[in-house]
Amino acid sequence: MIESVAKYLATKRPRRGNQKLLAEQLGVTTRTLRNWRAAAVRIGPPRPPGRPRRATALVRRARWIVARIWWRLPRPCDGARTVEEELERRGVELSTALVQELVSALKERRARTHRRRIERERASVDVKLRDAMWSVDDTPLGRDVQGGAHGIVVRETATPKTLWTSVGPPPTGEELVRILEATAEERGCWPLVMSFDRGSANRASIVRECLESHGVILLFNVPHTPEHNTFVEHAIGDLQCAGGLDAKSELPVDELPSSRDDLAQRLERARERLNNTPRRSLGGKTPDEIDRLTPRAEDRVCRESFYQDTRAALAKVAEQPLRARDRYRAEREAILCKLAEHGLVDRTTGGGRSSRPSKRKEFL
């Protein structure tokens, strides 16, 4: 019956109102009748559902035009809307959806190329011995009636153990010296290298004098390069997450920290939990256990020899006429080279750092 009705509708169009009566008699809608008629007059296989595909020649031409415009745009202003404005000025008509698809594909290609370049040029530092290098940094934790509250974290770099946490006002050179001396007293020794960012407190003369008196080399980040201090950056993120101080925490209002003492207690409890939690990446051991199993740097390297060699390398860098940022890079490279020469670190380029479990098998 459907085929007969479809052929009738394809050959003779019903008068006005008759199509509605026919639909009521058949128990269908007028739209169904129109679909039957369209199917009867269509030649070839039925069109698949959804939006029809664009012509290949149109897409190829649009891709060429959009790419020429997009690659010439400055980085902050390379969105689809800007490309559409440029196309309108040139008198080229393309649909908004097509422009958005092409610009999105270009951005993904650029991001993929950028990721490959970073992976190819990535330089990783894997510290092999305990107390070869400590990493220090501070982070803002909010404000109270006394002003800004900052947390200071000291982390061992050969093992994922956090050595010290404290909360107070933005640190000064005197406060940083007090924290480092307390950490060294609790640890029982000083490291060979101390890693900092270029904060004002870290560059204070009292800090430099304190570390030089104990034979410790200062290793500074290149400005605006937090990747150079990832050890402590990761520790800060873990502490904030474990203590409920990060932006993603959903603590009840009555459990939020109300004072600096409360903040300090939360960070200290988080440090204890993290240092005593078994981790699969450590072969099922805790950071404290791995720390005790890792050999000390001074058992393998003479502090005085390493200090003198590194100071001599830094003196050669100081003699070179370099701009500030290039000098920072050269100083950092000289210190890392000396750490590698004395067997304290492994440096790799073009890939990630070695896995922790395979590394720890040497000490178990």
Protein backbone atom coordinates (compact mmCIF):
# COMPACT_ATOMS: atom_id res chain seq x y z
CA MET A 1 0.00 0.00 0.00
CA ILE A 2 2.78 2.40 0.84
CA GLU A 3 4.40 1.91 -2.57
CA SER A 4 1.10 2.53 -4.32
CA VAL A 5 0.44 5.71 -2.36
CA ALA A 6 4.01 6.89 -2.97
CA LYS A 7 3.72 6.33 -6.75
CA TYR A 8 0.37 8.15 -6.80
CA LEU A 9 1.82 11.13 -4.94
CA ALA A 10 4.87 11.13 -7.23
CA THR A 11 2.73 11.30 -10.40
CA LYS A 12 -0.19 13.42 -9.22
CA ARG A 13 -0.05 16.14 -6.59
CA PRO A 14 -3.32 16.19 -4.56
CA ARG A 15 -5.35 19.38 -4.45
CA ARG A 16 -5.17 21.70 -1.50
CA GLY A 17 -6.72 19.97 1.52
CA ASN A 18 -6.94 16.52 -0.10
CA GLN A 19 -3.46 15.54 1.13
CA LYS A 20 -4.57 16.15 4.71
CA LEU A 21 -7.69 14.05 4.23
CA LEU A 22 -5.61 11.25 2.69
CA ALA A 23 -3.25 11.34 5.64
CA GLU A 24 -6.14 11.10 8.10
CA GLN A 25 -7.61 8.14 6.27
CA LEU A 26 -4.25 6.33 6.25
CA GLY A 27 -3.56 7.21 9.88
CA VAL A 28 -0.31 9.06 9.17
CA THR A 29 0.82 12.69 9.05
CA THR A 30 1.20 14.90 6.01
CA ARG A 31 4.93 14.93 6.62
CA THR A 32 4.98 11.15 6.21
CA LEU A 33 3.21 11.51 2.87
CA ARG A 34 5.81 14.02 1.73
CA ASN A 35 8.59 11.65 2.73
CA TRP A 36 6.93 8.81 0.78
CA ARG A 37 6.69 11.01 -2.27
CA ALA A 38 10.33 12.15 -1.97
CA ALA A 39 11.48 8.53 -1.68
CA ALA A 40 9.50 7.59 -4.79
CA VAL A 41 10.95 10.35 -7.00
CA ARG A 42 14.53 9.98 -5.71
CA ILE A 43 16.95 8.35 -8.14
CA GLY A 44 19.75 6.24 -6.69
CA PRO A 45 20.36 5.09 -3.11
CA PRO A 46 18.80 7.09 -0.27
CA ARG A 47 20.81 9.92 1.25
CA PRO A 48 22.37 8.95 4.59
CA PRO A 49 21.07 10.78 7.65
CA GLY A 50 22.85 13.82 8.97
CA ARG A 51 24.45 16.84 7.39
CA PRO A 52 25.78 16.15 3.88
CA ARG A 53 29.53 16.07 3.41
CA ARG A 54 31.22 19.10 1.96
CA ALA A 55 32.72 18.89 -1.48
CA THR A 56 36.38 17.83 -1.42
CA ALA A 57 37.43 20.67 -3.72
CA LEU A 58 35.70 23.21 -1.45
CA VAL A 59 37.39 21.90 1.68
CA ARG A 60 40.80 21.82 0.00
CA ARG A 61 40.45 25.39 -1.23
CA ALA A 62 39.15 26.58 2.17
CA ARG A 63 42.00 24.85 4.00
CA TRP A 64 44.58 26.58 1.82
CA ILE A 65 42.99 30.04 2.26
CA VAL A 66 42.44 29.72 6.01
CA ALA A 67 45.97 28.40 6.59
CA ARG A 68 47.53 31.32 4.69
CA ILE A 69 45.59 33.78 6.83
CA TRP A 70 46.02 31.95 10.15
CA TRP A 71 49.80 31.52 10.02
CA ARG A 72 50.23 35.29 9.50
CA LEU A 73 48.15 36.26 12.55
CA PRO A 74 49.83 37.09 15.88
CA ARG A 75 49.53 34.40 18.57
CA PRO A 76 46.94 36.04 20.87
CA CYS A 77 44.65 36.97 17.95
CA ASP A 78 44.52 33.77 15.92
CA GLY A 79 40.98 32.63 16.69
CA ALA A 80 38.26 31.66 14.23
CA ARG A 81 36.52 35.03 14.55
CA THR A 82 39.65 36.90 13.51
CA VAL A 83 40.06 34.58 10.53
CA GLU A 84 36.42 35.22 9.56
CA GLU A 85 37.04 38.98 9.66
CA GLU A 86 40.04 38.58 7.37
CA LEU A 87 38.00 36.40 4.99
CA GLU A 88 35.23 39.00 4.91
CA ARG A 89 37.71 41.75 4.03
CA ARG A 90 39.01 39.62 1.16
CA GLY A 91 35.51 38.85 -0.07
CA VAL A 92 35.77 35.11 0.57
CA GLU A 93 32.58 33.41 1.74
CA LEU A 94 33.01 30.34 3.95
CA SER A 95 30.66 28.93 6.55
CA THR A 96 31.43 29.65 10.20
CA ALA A 97 31.43 25.94 11.05
CA LEU A 98 34.02 25.18 8.35
CA VAL A 99 36.29 28.03 9.49
CA GLN A 100 36.08 26.87 13.11
CA GLU A 101 36.93 23.28 12.15
CA LEU A 102 39.94 24.35 10.07
CA VAL A 103 41.29 26.74 12.73
CA SER A 104 40.87 24.09 15.41
CA ALA A 105 42.82 21.61 13.28
CA LEU A 106 45.61 24.16 12.74
CA LYS A 107 45.86 24.87 16.47
CA GLU A 108 45.99 21.15 17.26
CA ARG A 109 48.77 20.71 14.70
CA ARG A 110 50.75 23.57 16.24
CA ALA A 111 50.26 22.17 19.75
CA ARG A 112 51.34 18.71 18.61
CA THR A 113 54.49 20.12 17.05
CA HIS A 114 55.21 22.09 20.22
CA ARG A 115 54.81 18.98 22.39
CA ARG A 116 57.17 17.02 20.17
CA ARG A 117 59.77 19.77 20.35
CA ILE A 118 59.54 19.87 24.14
CA GLU A 119 59.87 16.08 24.36
CA ARG A 120 62.86 16.18 22.02
CA GLU A 121 64.63 18.94 23.99
CA ARG A 122 63.54 17.90 27.50
CA ALA A 123 66.45 17.66 29.93
CA SER A 124 65.84 15.67 33.10
CA VAL A 125 67.93 15.50 36.26
CA ASP A 126 67.75 12.36 38.40
CA VAL A 127 69.52 12.75 41.76
CA LYS A 128 71.14 9.47 42.81
CA LEU A 129 72.36 10.10 46.37
CA ARG A 130 70.69 11.45 49.47
CA ASP A 131 71.66 14.95 50.66
CA ALA A 132 73.28 15.76 47.34
CA MET A 133 70.71 18.50 46.76
CA TRP A 134 67.78 20.00 48.65
CA SER A 135 65.06 22.05 47.02
CA VAL A 136 63.47 25.02 48.82
CA ASP A 137 60.48 27.16 47.92
CA ASP A 138 57.63 29.11 49.51
CA THR A 139 53.99 29.40 48.47
CA PRO A 140 51.19 31.81 49.49
CA LEU A 141 48.47 30.20 51.58
CA GLY A 142 46.10 33.15 51.96
CA ARG A 143 45.77 36.22 54.19
CA ASP A 144 44.71 36.92 57.76
CA VAL A 145 44.67 39.94 60.08
CA GLN A 146 48.48 39.80 60.24
CA GLY A 147 48.89 39.90 56.46
CA GLY A 148 49.90 37.27 53.91
CA ALA A 149 50.61 33.74 55.14
CA HIS A 150 53.32 31.80 53.30
CA GLY A 151 54.32 28.19 53.62
CA ILE A 152 58.00 27.23 53.31
CA VAL A 153 58.89 23.71 52.15
CA VAL A 154 62.27 21.96 52.08
CA ARG A 155 62.43 18.73 50.08
CA GLU A 156 65.04 16.08 49.47
CA THR A 157 65.56 15.58 45.73
CA ALA A 158 66.95 12.03 45.68
CA THR A 159 63.84 10.71 47.46
CA PRO A 160 60.26 12.05 47.62
CA LYS A 161 60.65 12.98 51.28
CA THR A 162 59.67 16.43 52.55
CA LEU A 163 62.14 17.54 55.20
CA TRP A 164 60.50 20.69 56.57
CA THR A 165 57.30 22.71 56.49
CA SER A 166 56.48 25.95 58.28
CA VAL A 167 53.97 28.80 57.98
CA GLY A 168 54.58 32.49 58.59
CA PRO A 169 54.78 35.89 56.93
CA PRO A 170 56.61 36.27 53.60
CA PRO A 171 60.08 34.91 54.41
CA THR A 172 63.13 37.10 54.93
CA GLY A 173 66.76 36.12 54.66
CA GLU A 174 67.05 35.74 58.46
CA GLU A 175 63.97 33.51 58.64
CA LEU A 176 65.22 31.36 55.77
CA VAL A 177 68.59 30.87 57.49
CA ARG A 178 66.81 29.82 60.68
CA ILE A 179 64.74 27.26 58.76
CA LEU A 180 67.74 25.84 56.90
CA GLU A 181 69.76 25.53 60.11
CA ALA A 182 66.86 23.77 61.86
CA THR A 183 66.44 21.40 58.91
CA ALA A 184 70.18 20.62 58.82
CA GLU A 185 70.21 20.00 62.58
CA GLU A 186 67.24 17.62 62.32
CA ARG A 187 68.74 15.95 59.26
CA GLY A 188 72.22 15.69 60.75
CA CYS A 189 74.03 17.23 57.77
CA TRP A 190 73.94 19.91 55.08
CA PRO A 191 73.45 19.15 51.38
CA LEU A 192 76.11 19.71 48.75
CA VAL A 193 73.76 21.89 46.67
CA MET A 194 70.75 23.99 47.65
CA SER A 195 68.20 24.75 44.92
CA PHE A 196 66.20 28.01 45.04
CA ASP A 197 64.19 30.28 42.83
CA ARG A 198 65.35 33.88 42.53
CA GLY A 199 63.21 35.32 45.32
CA SER A 200 64.57 38.26 47.28
CA ALA A 201 64.96 36.22 50.48
CA ASN A 202 66.84 33.44 48.66
CA ARG A 203 69.32 35.94 47.21
CA ALA A 204 69.95 37.69 50.53
CA SER A 205 73.59 38.02 51.55
CA ILE A 206 72.96 36.35 54.92
CA VAL A 207 71.69 33.22 53.14
CA ARG A 208 74.70 33.13 50.83
CA GLU A 209 77.11 33.59 53.73
CA CYS A 210 75.42 30.85 55.75
CA LEU A 211 75.57 28.32 52.92
CA GLU A 212 79.13 29.20 51.93
CA SER A 213 80.24 28.72 55.53
CA HIS A 214 78.91 25.14 55.38
CA GLY A 215 80.33 24.39 51.92
CA VAL A 216 76.98 24.42 50.12
CA ILE A 217 76.61 25.52 46.48
CA LEU A 218 73.64 27.73 45.60
CA LEU A 219 71.71 26.58 42.51
CA PHE A 220 69.22 29.18 41.26
CA ASN A 221 66.45 28.80 38.71
CA VAL A 222 66.49 30.75 35.51
CA PRO A 223 63.83 33.49 36.01
CA HIS A 224 60.28 32.48 35.13
CA THR A 225 61.24 28.80 34.79
CA PRO A 226 59.50 26.82 37.57
CA GLU A 227 60.41 23.58 35.77
CA HIS A 228 63.93 24.00 37.19
CA ASN A 229 62.59 23.41 40.71
CA THR A 230 59.99 20.73 40.06
CA PHE A 231 61.04 18.67 43.10
CA VAL A 232 59.65 21.14 45.61
CA GLU A 233 56.87 22.33 43.30
CA HIS A 234 55.45 18.80 43.29
CA ALA A 235 55.88 18.57 47.06
CA ILE A 236 53.95 21.81 47.58
CA GLY A 237 51.08 20.54 45.43
CA ASP A 238 50.97 17.22 47.31
CA LEU A 239 51.02 18.97 50.69
CA GLN A 240 48.24 21.36 49.76
CA CYS A 241 46.12 18.49 48.43
CA ALA A 242 46.75 16.25 51.47
CA GLY A 243 46.11 19.14 53.88
CA GLY A 244 42.91 20.30 52.16
CA LEU A 245 44.46 23.64 51.21
CA ASP A 246 44.24 23.45 47.43
CA ALA A 247 41.55 25.04 45.28
CA LYS A 248 39.85 21.66 44.64
CA SER A 249 39.33 20.79 48.31
CA GLU A 250 35.73 20.77 49.50
CA LEU A 251 36.11 21.03 53.27
CA PRO A 252 33.16 22.13 55.41
CA VAL A 253 33.31 25.71 56.65
CA ASP A 254 33.96 24.64 60.24
CA GLU A 255 37.02 22.60 59.09
CA LEU A 256 38.74 25.40 57.16
CA PRO A 257 41.99 26.69 58.73
CA SER A 258 41.35 29.72 60.89
CA SER A 259 44.88 30.79 61.88
CA ARG A 260 48.53 30.38 60.92
CA ASP A 261 48.99 27.83 63.70
CA ASP A 262 46.18 25.79 62.18
CA LEU A 263 47.79 26.08 58.75
CA ALA A 264 51.14 24.96 60.15
CA GLN A 265 49.54 21.97 61.88
CA ARG A 266 47.75 20.96 58.69
CA LEU A 267 50.95 21.12 56.64
CA GLU A 268 52.88 19.16 59.27
CA ARG A 269 50.23 16.43 59.45
CA ALA A 270 50.15 16.28 55.65
CA ARG A 271 53.96 15.95 55.60
CA GLU A 272 53.87 13.07 58.07
CA ARG A 273 51.15 11.26 56.12
CA LEU A 274 52.91 11.67 52.78
CA ASN A 275 56.31 10.58 54.16
CA ASN A 276 54.79 7.43 55.69
CA THR A 277 52.44 6.33 52.90
CA PRO A 278 53.55 3.33 50.78
CA ARG A 279 53.67 4.06 47.07
CA ARG A 280 53.68 1.69 44.15
CA SER A 281 56.13 3.97 42.32
CA LEU A 282 58.59 3.25 45.16
CA GLY A 283 58.18 -0.51 45.03
CA GLY A 284 55.60 -0.53 47.82
CA LYS A 285 57.82 1.41 50.25
CA THR A 286 57.30 4.74 51.93
CA PRO A 287 59.42 7.84 51.23
CA ASP A 288 60.90 7.51 54.73
CA GLU A 289 61.98 3.92 54.05
CA ILE A 290 63.46 4.81 50.67
CA ASP A 291 65.27 7.75 52.27
CA ARG A 292 66.92 5.46 54.81
CA LEU A 293 67.96 3.01 52.08
CA THR A 294 69.50 5.62 49.77
CA PRO A 295 73.26 6.19 50.30
CA ARG A 296 74.43 9.59 51.50
CA ALA A 297 76.29 11.83 49.10
CA GLU A 298 79.17 12.54 51.48
CA ASP A 299 79.83 8.79 51.75
CA ARG A 300 80.73 8.80 48.05
CA VAL A 301 81.99 12.35 47.39
CA CYS A 302 84.35 14.67 49.26
CA ARG A 303 82.48 17.89 50.08
CA GLU A 304 85.58 20.09 49.89
CA SER A 305 86.63 18.69 46.53
CA PHE A 306 83.17 19.12 45.03
CA TYR A 307 82.85 22.64 46.44
CA GLN A 308 86.20 23.79 45.06
CA ASP A 309 85.60 22.24 41.63
CA THR A 310 82.19 23.87 41.34
CA ARG A 311 83.46 27.27 42.50
CA ALA A 312 86.19 27.12 39.88
CA ALA A 313 83.63 26.34 37.16
CA LEU A 314 81.47 29.26 38.31
CA ALA A 315 84.50 31.56 38.26
CA LYS A 316 85.07 30.69 34.58
CA VAL A 317 81.46 31.55 33.82
CA ALA A 318 81.83 34.91 35.58
CA GLU A 319 84.73 35.81 33.28
CA GLN A 320 82.57 35.50 30.16
CA PRO A 321 80.77 38.61 28.82
CA LEU A 322 77.21 37.28 28.96
CA ARG A 323 73.84 38.87 29.33
CA ALA A 324 72.01 38.27 32.61
CA ARG A 325 69.75 35.44 31.48
CA ASP A 326 72.54 33.73 29.54
CA ARG A 327 74.77 33.99 32.60
CA TYR A 328 72.07 32.39 34.79
CA ARG A 329 71.81 29.51 32.34
CA ALA A 330 75.58 29.08 32.16
CA GLU A 331 75.92 29.05 35.96
CA ARG A 332 73.19 26.48 36.30
CA GLU A 333 74.72 24.32 33.58
CA ALA A 334 78.15 24.49 35.24
CA ILE A 335 76.74 23.29 38.58
CA LEU A 336 74.76 20.45 37.00
CA CYS A 337 77.80 19.35 35.00
CA LYS A 338 79.85 19.11 38.18
CA LEU A 339 77.09 17.12 39.88
CA ALA A 340 77.14 14.68 36.95
CA GLU A 341 80.96 14.48 36.91
CA HIS A 342 81.01 13.48 40.58
CA GLY A 343 78.35 10.82 40.01
CA LEU A 344 75.65 12.59 42.01
CA VAL A 345 73.04 12.95 39.25
CA ASP A 346 72.07 11.39 35.95
CA ARG A 347 71.09 13.73 33.13
CA THR A 348 68.97 12.63 30.20
CA THR A 349 67.77 14.50 27.12
CA GLY A 350 64.84 13.76 24.88
CA GLY A 351 62.68 11.76 27.25
CA GLY A 352 61.36 11.34 30.75
CA ARG A 353 63.32 10.56 33.87
CA SER A 354 64.08 6.97 34.86
CA SER A 355 61.39 5.11 36.79
CA ARG A 356 61.77 5.07 40.55
CA PRO A 357 61.28 1.31 41.12
CA SER A 358 64.04 0.33 38.68
CA LYS A 359 66.36 2.87 40.27
CA ARG A 360 65.69 1.66 43.80
CA LYS A 361 66.61 -1.94 42.97
CA GLU A 362 70.25 -0.86 43.23
CA PHE A 363 69.82 -0.09 46.94
CA LEU A 364 67.48 -2.94 48.04
